Protein backbone atom coordinates (compact mmCIF):
# COMPACT_ATOMS: atom_id res chain seq x y z
CA MET A 1 -52.80 36.08 63.40
CA ALA A 2 -52.97 38.56 60.54
CA VAL A 3 -49.94 40.71 59.88
CA LEU A 4 -50.83 44.41 60.11
CA ILE A 5 -48.76 47.01 58.29
CA LYS A 6 -49.21 50.61 59.47
CA ILE A 7 -49.66 53.06 56.61
CA CYS A 8 -50.24 56.42 58.30
CA ASP A 9 -52.45 58.34 60.73
CA LEU A 10 -55.46 59.96 59.10
CA ASP A 11 -56.96 63.35 59.93
CA ILE A 12 -60.10 62.29 61.80
CA GLY A 13 -61.66 65.68 61.06
CA ILE A 14 -61.73 65.03 57.32
CA TYR A 15 -63.37 61.62 57.82
CA ARG A 16 -66.14 62.83 60.14
CA CYS A 17 -68.21 63.19 56.96
CA VAL A 18 -68.33 59.36 56.94
CA SER A 19 -68.64 58.69 60.68
CA SER A 20 -68.73 60.95 63.72
CA ASP A 21 -67.41 58.16 65.95
CA ILE A 22 -64.00 57.17 64.57
CA GLN A 23 -62.04 55.46 67.33
CA THR A 24 -58.43 55.82 66.12
CA SER A 25 -56.36 57.72 63.58
CA GLU A 26 -54.12 54.73 62.77
CA VAL A 27 -54.55 53.21 59.30
CA ILE A 28 -53.31 49.72 58.49
CA ILE A 29 -53.37 47.21 55.65
CA THR A 30 -53.21 43.46 56.13
CA GLU A 31 -51.20 40.99 54.09
CA GLU A 32 -54.52 39.42 53.05
CA ARG A 33 -55.72 42.75 51.59
CA ILE A 34 -52.39 43.28 49.80
CA LYS A 35 -52.82 39.83 48.23
CA HIS A 36 -56.40 40.74 47.20
CA ILE A 37 -55.18 43.94 45.51
CA GLN A 38 -52.36 42.07 43.77
CA GLU A 39 -54.79 39.45 42.45
CA ASP A 40 -57.66 41.76 41.44
CA HIS A 41 -55.60 44.71 40.19
CA PRO A 42 -52.32 43.27 38.85
CA ASP A 43 -49.26 45.52 39.22
CA ASP A 44 -51.18 48.37 40.89
CA TYR A 45 -49.93 47.59 44.40
CA GLU A 46 -46.32 47.13 43.34
CA ARG A 47 -46.27 50.24 41.16
CA TYR A 48 -48.34 52.61 43.28
CA CYS A 49 -48.36 51.49 46.94
CA SER A 50 -46.19 54.50 47.85
CA TYR A 51 -49.20 56.70 46.92
CA ILE A 52 -51.51 55.11 49.51
CA PRO A 53 -50.55 57.35 52.47
CA LEU A 54 -51.05 60.53 50.42
CA ILE A 55 -54.41 59.30 49.10
CA ILE A 56 -55.54 58.81 52.72
CA LEU A 57 -54.00 62.03 54.06
CA GLU A 58 -55.12 64.27 51.18
CA PRO A 59 -58.06 62.76 49.28
CA ASP A 60 -59.53 64.83 46.46
CA TYR A 61 -62.95 63.31 47.14
CA ILE A 62 -64.60 61.09 49.69
CA VAL A 63 -67.77 59.56 48.30
CA GLU A 64 -70.41 57.43 49.95
CA ALA A 65 -69.70 53.71 50.00
CA ASN A 66 -72.17 50.82 49.90
CA LYS A 67 -71.21 49.81 53.45
CA ALA A 68 -71.51 51.74 56.71
CA ASN A 69 -68.40 53.41 58.14
CA THR A 70 -66.58 52.89 54.85
CA ALA A 71 -65.12 55.64 52.68
CA VAL A 72 -64.41 55.60 48.96
CA LEU A 73 -61.45 57.89 48.34
CA LEU A 74 -60.51 59.40 45.00
CA LYS A 75 -57.17 61.04 44.30
CA GLU A 76 -55.59 62.39 41.13
CA PHE A 77 -51.85 62.95 40.88
CA THR A 78 -51.61 65.75 38.34
CA GLU A 79 -47.88 65.38 37.64
CA ASN A 80 -48.49 62.04 35.91
CA GLY A 81 -52.25 62.12 35.34
CA GLU A 82 -52.84 58.95 37.37
CA LYS A 83 -56.14 58.58 39.22
CA PHE A 84 -56.84 56.20 42.09
CA LYS A 85 -59.71 54.76 44.07
CA LEU A 86 -59.19 53.46 47.60
CA ILE A 87 -61.70 51.80 49.92
CA LEU A 88 -61.10 52.59 53.60
CA ARG A 89 -62.97 50.93 56.47
CA LEU A 90 -63.12 53.20 59.51
CA LYS A 91 -62.79 51.88 63.06
CA THR A 92 -66.04 52.66 64.87
CA PRO A 93 -67.46 51.19 68.11
CA ASP A 94 -69.39 48.48 66.21
CA LEU A 95 -66.12 46.81 65.11
CA PRO A 96 -64.29 44.39 67.44
CA LYS A 97 -61.76 45.72 69.93
CA GLY A 98 -58.27 45.90 68.43
CA TYR A 99 -59.47 46.72 64.91
CA LYS A 100 -57.98 49.77 63.15
CA ASN A 101 -58.93 51.90 60.18
CA SER A 102 -57.97 49.65 57.30
CA VAL A 103 -57.44 49.71 53.55
CA ILE A 104 -59.89 47.27 51.95
CA SER A 105 -58.85 47.79 48.33
CA PHE A 106 -56.94 50.17 46.09
CA TRP A 107 -56.48 50.51 42.34
CA ARG A 108 -55.70 52.86 39.48
CA ILE A 109 -58.76 54.04 37.57
CA GLY A 110 -59.39 55.73 34.25
CA GLN A 111 -61.12 59.01 33.47
CA THR A 112 -64.49 57.33 32.78
CA THR A 113 -64.58 55.58 36.17
CA TRP A 114 -63.44 58.80 37.87
CA GLU A 115 -66.27 60.80 36.28
CA LYS A 116 -68.92 58.11 36.88
CA THR A 117 -67.96 57.88 40.54
CA ILE A 118 -68.13 61.66 41.05
CA ASN A 119 -71.36 62.03 39.07
CA ASN A 120 -73.24 59.00 40.41
CA LYS A 121 -72.21 58.78 44.07
CA LYS A 122 -72.98 61.10 46.95
CA ILE A 123 -69.95 63.32 47.56
CA LEU A 124 -69.24 63.58 51.29
CA TYR A 125 -66.02 65.61 51.04
CA LYS A 126 -64.26 67.57 48.32
CA LYS A 127 -60.78 69.01 48.73
CA GLU A 128 -60.85 72.80 48.55
């Protein structure tokens, strides 16, 4: 059985731009996904995991993902100039019972990736 770690409860209203049928506000991450982040984006999880709840609660942008019911979140922390990208799978009726909204991946990005994402992907939500 996978270990689930609760991160926060998202504002379903913000994420309706991705899916109108979100089943829960609870957001989790699994140990398997943490391991994936640690392997694919060395040091990002250890250094920045405390930012994950704020990225989910207050994204600067939500852009269209390549998969249904999945959100690509972008967040810039102006005090240190760090920018992040987070992939969030939303719990909708098509997922098995017991599933939650879950973090798929998360990493720090540079200015070029930030701009390419905003310019080349469909923006579903922009923080006012």
